[in-house]
């Protein structure tokens, strides 16, 4: 069992190894005793599969060939890179899934992957305690399988752009300027910046700053004002702020890896809220270490 990728699994078990492996193994063994095929990566990946690209393809095929994905939510679940990939693959494929949350955890579980987000707290969750309790909940006749319409990022993005463009004429614009120097690096690196509302709307603005160091997105930062949680209100043709600054993690100053600064902005029309939110095209700057300077970098982020 598990060596033929064409095989249909009844369940695909998605879990984080650090805190969920014992639950996942017990569940898989219990299902196996009942002749219920369930995919568990450590057990069902071919032993000869060594390259990451190979085992990821095998894992993805196994998920696609499963009827239902079991999300075993234990501590750190939403922070696991592999869990995040499996969650969004489940959504993209329109697979049914069950949310099985350990009783010690809050039901508010948000999973982010660059420009995609899902809040699992919006869906019914089944709480479990012990390994045996988990198996009983999965096999219960009242177990709820959730279905979400497949999230096709490119289709959804085009739809949102069309709707937004019809409501916002002309489109709003926030102009950002980033200082040419990386300031005051002796305690922590600070970046000087300013933002200007270059439109005729009175806006409510939320800003997310994403430092991307060597391909790693360091968002969120320690300053909630630039993590998308604070709403700035600004008059038409006015500054949100001038001569401002924000701090980056120390590793941004001492690392030799490429450093990209990406600013993502969401706006609302204060006087016409029914238009909904509008996301501006992300703005990017690249840090040139040899010159200790930022250079505007207009490429948009890649869609996963």
Protein backbone atom coordinates (compact mmCIF):
# COMPACT_ATOMS: atom_id res chain seq x y z
CA UNK A 1 0.00 0.00 0.00
CA UNK A 2 1.10 3.57 -0.71
CA UNK A 3 3.64 2.74 -3.40
CA UNK A 4 1.25 3.28 -6.31
CA UNK A 5 0.54 6.97 -6.84
CA UNK A 6 -2.52 6.13 -8.95
CA UNK A 7 -4.21 4.68 -5.90
CA UNK A 8 -7.19 6.58 -4.48
CA UNK A 9 -6.86 7.33 -0.78
CA UNK A 10 -9.87 7.95 1.35
CA UNK A 11 -7.89 10.33 3.54
CA UNK A 12 -4.78 12.49 3.22
CA UNK A 13 -3.34 13.37 6.64
CA UNK A 14 -1.94 16.91 6.83
CA UNK A 15 -0.03 17.62 10.06
CA UNK A 16 3.05 19.30 11.53
CA UNK A 17 5.77 16.83 12.52
CA UNK A 18 6.95 18.61 15.66
CA UNK A 19 3.67 18.46 17.58
CA UNK A 20 1.34 16.27 15.55
CA UNK A 21 3.33 13.21 14.48
CA UNK A 22 2.11 10.93 17.28
CA UNK A 23 -1.52 11.80 16.55
CA UNK A 24 -1.01 11.34 12.80
CA UNK A 25 0.68 7.95 13.13
CA UNK A 26 -1.92 6.59 15.53
CA UNK A 27 -4.71 7.78 13.25
CA UNK A 28 -3.13 6.26 10.16
CA UNK A 29 -2.53 2.93 11.92
CA UNK A 30 -6.10 2.87 13.21
CA UNK A 31 -7.49 3.51 9.74
CA UNK A 32 -5.21 0.86 8.25
CA UNK A 33 -6.59 -1.75 10.68
CA UNK A 34 -10.03 -0.98 9.30
CA UNK A 35 -8.79 -1.26 5.68
CA UNK A 36 -9.29 2.45 5.11
CA UNK A 37 -6.49 3.80 2.87
CA UNK A 38 -4.96 6.98 4.28
CA UNK A 39 -1.81 8.76 3.10
CA UNK A 40 0.85 9.69 5.67
CA UNK A 41 4.04 11.13 4.22
CA UNK A 42 6.56 9.32 6.43
CA UNK A 43 4.90 5.98 5.78
CA UNK A 44 3.73 6.21 2.19
CA UNK A 45 6.39 8.15 0.32
CA UNK A 46 8.61 5.77 -1.68
CA UNK A 47 11.90 5.17 0.14
CA UNK A 48 13.87 5.86 -3.02
CA UNK A 49 12.42 9.36 -3.28
CA UNK A 50 15.20 11.69 -2.15
CA UNK A 51 15.02 14.88 -4.18
CA UNK A 52 12.62 17.51 -2.83
CA UNK A 53 10.99 18.00 -6.23
CA UNK A 54 10.27 14.26 -6.45
CA UNK A 55 8.68 13.81 -3.05
CA UNK A 56 6.70 17.01 -3.38
CA UNK A 57 5.26 15.80 -6.67
CA UNK A 58 4.41 12.43 -5.12
CA UNK A 59 2.84 14.12 -2.10
CA UNK A 60 0.82 16.50 -4.29
CA UNK A 61 -0.40 13.62 -6.44
CA UNK A 62 -1.42 11.70 -3.31
CA UNK A 63 -3.41 14.70 -2.07
CA UNK A 64 -5.13 15.08 -5.44
CA UNK A 65 -5.98 11.38 -5.38
CA UNK A 66 -7.52 11.53 -1.91
CA UNK A 67 -11.20 11.98 -1.18
CA UNK A 68 -10.80 14.05 1.98
CA UNK A 69 -7.91 15.94 3.58
CA UNK A 70 -7.61 15.73 7.35
CA UNK A 71 -6.07 18.86 8.86
CA UNK A 72 -4.60 17.83 12.26
CA UNK A 73 -4.27 21.19 13.95
CA UNK A 74 -1.69 21.07 16.73
CA UNK A 75 0.67 23.76 18.04
CA UNK A 76 2.50 25.53 15.19
CA UNK A 77 0.30 24.02 12.47
CA UNK A 78 -0.21 27.32 10.64
CA UNK A 79 3.53 28.10 10.63
CA UNK A 80 4.72 24.94 8.85
CA UNK A 81 5.84 25.56 5.27
CA UNK A 82 4.65 22.14 4.11
CA UNK A 83 1.31 22.47 5.91
CA UNK A 84 0.73 25.83 4.22
CA UNK A 85 1.41 24.30 0.79
CA UNK A 86 -0.94 21.40 1.50
CA UNK A 87 -3.70 23.69 2.78
CA UNK A 88 -3.69 25.86 -0.32
CA UNK A 89 -3.34 22.87 -2.66
CA UNK A 90 -6.46 21.45 -0.97
CA UNK A 91 -8.32 24.69 -1.66
CA UNK A 92 -7.01 25.02 -5.21
CA UNK A 93 -8.15 21.49 -5.98
CA UNK A 94 -11.53 21.98 -4.32
CA UNK A 95 -10.98 18.97 -2.06
CA UNK A 96 -13.21 18.27 0.92
CA UNK A 97 -11.46 18.61 4.27
CA UNK A 98 -11.99 18.15 8.00
CA UNK A 99 -10.63 20.53 10.63
CA UNK A 100 -9.47 18.52 13.64
CA UNK A 101 -8.17 20.86 16.34
CA UNK A 102 -6.48 19.87 19.57
CA UNK A 103 -8.56 21.15 22.46
CA UNK A 104 -5.70 23.27 23.89
CA UNK A 105 -5.66 25.57 20.84
CA UNK A 106 -7.72 28.61 19.92
CA UNK A 107 -10.05 28.10 16.92
CA UNK A 108 -8.74 31.34 15.41
CA UNK A 109 -6.19 29.95 12.94
CA UNK A 110 -5.05 32.13 10.01
CA UNK A 111 -2.81 30.70 7.30
CA UNK A 112 -0.94 33.04 4.96
CA UNK A 113 0.98 32.34 1.77
CA UNK A 114 2.23 35.53 0.14
CA UNK A 115 -0.91 37.07 -1.44
CA UNK A 116 -3.30 34.32 -0.27
CA UNK A 117 -4.95 33.90 3.12
CA UNK A 118 -7.49 31.59 4.72
CA UNK A 119 -8.97 31.94 8.18
CA UNK A 120 -9.82 28.44 9.37
CA UNK A 121 -11.73 30.02 12.23
CA UNK A 122 -14.52 30.72 9.73
CA UNK A 123 -15.28 27.00 9.41
CA UNK A 124 -16.63 24.42 11.83
CA UNK A 125 -13.87 22.61 13.69
CA UNK A 126 -13.90 19.33 15.57
CA UNK A 127 -12.01 19.42 18.86
CA UNK A 128 -10.14 16.32 20.02
CA UNK A 129 -8.19 15.37 23.12
CA UNK A 130 -6.35 12.03 22.97
CA UNK A 131 -5.14 9.96 20.01
CA UNK A 132 -8.06 7.59 20.52
CA UNK A 133 -10.49 10.51 20.64
CA UNK A 134 -9.09 11.79 17.34
CA UNK A 135 -9.75 8.45 15.62
CA UNK A 136 -13.30 8.31 16.98
CA UNK A 137 -14.01 11.81 15.69
CA UNK A 138 -12.70 11.02 12.20
CA UNK A 139 -14.76 7.82 11.95
CA UNK A 140 -17.90 9.30 13.48
CA UNK A 141 -20.99 9.22 11.27
CA UNK A 142 -21.53 12.89 12.17
CA UNK A 143 -18.02 13.97 11.08
CA UNK A 144 -18.33 17.10 8.95
CA UNK A 145 -16.48 17.37 5.64
CA UNK A 146 -16.11 20.96 4.48
CA UNK A 147 -16.03 21.93 0.81
CA UNK A 148 -14.74 25.28 -0.43
CA UNK A 149 -15.02 26.41 -4.04
CA UNK A 150 -11.58 25.97 -5.67
CA UNK A 151 -9.39 29.03 -5.28
CA UNK A 152 -7.88 29.70 -8.67
CA UNK A 153 -5.66 32.71 -7.95
CA UNK A 154 -5.40 33.97 -11.52
CA UNK A 155 -9.18 33.80 -12.13
CA UNK A 156 -10.06 35.34 -8.77
CA UNK A 157 -7.50 38.11 -9.27
CA UNK A 158 -8.92 39.05 -12.67
CA UNK A 159 -12.45 39.07 -11.25
CA UNK A 160 -11.49 41.34 -8.36
CA UNK A 161 -9.56 43.72 -10.63
CA UNK A 162 -12.55 44.04 -12.94
CA UNK A 163 -14.99 44.74 -10.10
CA UNK A 164 -12.62 47.19 -8.43
CA UNK A 165 -11.93 49.07 -11.65
CA UNK A 166 -15.64 49.55 -12.26
CA UNK A 167 -16.17 50.98 -8.77
CA UNK A 168 -13.04 53.13 -8.60
CA UNK A 169 -12.80 55.61 -11.47
CA UNK A 170 -10.15 56.89 -11.46
CA UNK A 171 -8.14 54.39 -9.43
CA UNK A 172 -6.65 55.69 -6.17
CA UNK A 173 -2.90 56.07 -5.87
CA UNK A 174 -0.52 56.27 -2.93
CA UNK A 175 2.99 57.44 -3.74
CA UNK A 176 5.75 56.05 -1.53
CA UNK A 177 9.30 57.35 -1.35
CA UNK A 178 12.04 55.37 0.36
CA UNK A 179 15.24 57.10 1.48
CA UNK A 180 18.36 56.36 -0.51
CA UNK A 181 20.32 55.52 2.62
CA UNK A 182 19.86 52.78 5.21
CA UNK A 183 19.96 54.90 8.36
CA UNK A 184 21.37 54.32 11.84
CA UNK A 185 22.54 50.73 11.53
CA UNK A 186 24.47 50.68 14.77
CA UNK A 187 21.44 49.61 16.87
CA UNK A 188 19.09 48.29 14.23
CA UNK A 189 18.55 49.21 10.57
CA UNK A 190 16.00 51.96 10.07
CA UNK A 191 14.47 52.97 6.74
CA UNK A 192 13.25 56.49 6.11
CA UNK A 193 10.09 56.89 4.03
CA UNK A 194 7.05 59.00 3.26
CA UNK A 195 3.62 58.40 1.70
CA UNK A 196 1.38 60.77 -0.24
CA UNK A 197 -2.27 60.37 -1.27
CA UNK A 198 -2.07 61.34 -4.93
CA UNK A 199 -5.81 61.06 -5.56
CA UNK A 200 -9.06 62.97 -5.07
CA UNK A 201 -10.41 60.52 -2.46
CA UNK A 202 -10.46 60.80 1.30
CA UNK A 203 -8.93 57.43 2.11
CA UNK A 204 -8.49 54.97 4.90
CA UNK A 205 -5.16 53.25 4.24
CA UNK A 206 -3.62 50.03 5.56
CA UNK A 207 0.03 49.28 4.84
CA UNK A 208 2.03 46.06 5.00
CA UNK A 209 5.82 46.25 4.77
CA UNK A 210 7.40 42.96 3.65
CA UNK A 211 11.21 42.74 3.89
CA UNK A 212 12.21 39.75 1.76
CA UNK A 213 15.70 38.60 2.76
CA UNK A 214 17.22 35.86 0.64
CA UNK A 215 13.73 34.84 -0.49
CA UNK A 216 12.37 34.75 3.11
CA UNK A 217 9.48 37.06 3.86
CA UNK A 218 10.15 38.56 7.32
CA UNK A 219 6.62 39.95 7.67
CA UNK A 220 5.17 40.69 10.17
CA UNK A 221 7.56 43.18 11.76
CA UNK A 222 7.56 44.39 15.36
CA UNK A 223 5.73 47.61 14.45
CA UNK A 224 1.97 46.99 14.12
CA UNK A 225 1.56 50.27 12.24
CA UNK A 226 3.09 48.65 9.15
CA UNK A 227 1.68 45.15 9.50
CA UNK A 228 -1.70 46.01 8.00
CA UNK A 229 -3.40 46.42 11.38
CA UNK A 230 -3.45 50.22 11.63
CA UNK A 231 -5.71 52.35 9.43
CA UNK A 232 -4.30 55.73 8.37
CA UNK A 233 -6.88 58.34 7.36
CA UNK A 234 -5.76 60.92 4.83
CA UNK A 235 -7.31 63.83 2.94
CA UNK A 236 -7.14 64.12 -0.87
CA UNK A 237 -3.79 65.26 -2.25
CA UNK A 238 -2.17 65.10 1.18
CA UNK A 239 0.63 63.32 3.01
CA UNK A 240 -0.13 60.29 5.14
CA UNK A 241 3.22 60.99 6.74
CA UNK A 242 6.48 62.68 5.85
CA UNK A 243 10.00 62.03 7.14
CA UNK A 244 8.87 58.83 8.80
CA UNK A 245 10.95 55.73 9.50
CA UNK A 246 10.50 52.11 10.47
CA UNK A 247 12.84 49.43 11.76
CA UNK A 248 13.98 46.23 10.09
CA UNK A 249 15.38 43.16 11.86
CA UNK A 250 19.11 43.35 12.55
CA UNK A 251 19.82 40.49 10.16
CA UNK A 252 18.80 42.73 7.25
CA UNK A 253 21.86 44.90 7.93
CA UNK A 254 24.43 42.16 8.56
CA UNK A 255 23.32 39.49 6.06
CA UNK A 256 24.84 39.27 2.59
CA UNK A 257 21.61 37.92 1.09
CA UNK A 258 19.53 39.91 -1.37
CA UNK A 259 17.11 42.24 0.39
CA UNK A 260 13.88 43.37 -1.23
CA UNK A 261 11.48 45.80 0.41
CA UNK A 262 7.87 45.31 -0.73
CA UNK A 263 5.07 47.67 0.30
CA UNK A 264 1.51 46.40 -0.02
CA UNK A 265 -1.34 48.86 0.36
CA UNK A 266 -5.11 48.50 0.77
CA UNK A 267 -7.40 51.54 0.66
CA UNK A 268 -11.05 52.34 1.35
CA UNK A 269 -13.03 55.41 0.32
CA UNK A 270 -14.17 56.95 3.63
CA UNK A 271 -17.04 58.79 1.94
CA UNK A 272 -18.15 55.86 -0.21
CA UNK A 273 -17.42 52.63 1.73
CA UNK A 274 -19.74 50.48 -0.41
CA UNK A 275 -17.07 50.57 -3.12
CA UNK A 276 -15.15 48.09 -1.01
CA UNK A 277 -11.41 47.75 -0.52
CA UNK A 278 -8.90 48.31 -3.29
CA UNK A 279 -5.44 46.73 -3.25
CA UNK A 280 -2.78 48.79 -4.97
CA UNK A 281 -0.08 47.18 -7.06
CA UNK A 282 2.75 46.31 -4.63
CA UNK A 283 5.79 48.60 -4.78
CA UNK A 284 9.30 47.18 -4.47
CA UNK A 285 12.78 48.46 -3.71
CA UNK A 286 16.03 46.49 -3.80
CA UNK A 287 18.80 47.21 -1.32
CA UNK A 288 22.20 47.69 -2.96
CA UNK A 289 24.61 46.75 -0.20
CA UNK A 290 27.79 48.08 -1.75
CA UNK A 291 26.18 51.53 -2.04
CA UNK A 292 24.11 51.35 1.18
CA UNK A 293 21.14 52.55 -0.87
CA UNK A 294 17.65 51.53 -1.99
CA UNK A 295 16.85 51.25 -5.69
CA UNK A 296 13.28 51.16 -6.98
CA UNK A 297 12.50 47.69 -8.26
CA UNK A 298 9.20 47.69 -10.17
CA UNK A 299 8.80 43.94 -10.69
CA UNK A 300 5.65 42.54 -9.14
CA UNK A 301 5.85 39.53 -6.81
CA UNK A 302 5.42 36.11 -8.38
CA UNK A 303 2.05 34.40 -7.86
CA UNK A 304 2.54 31.05 -6.15
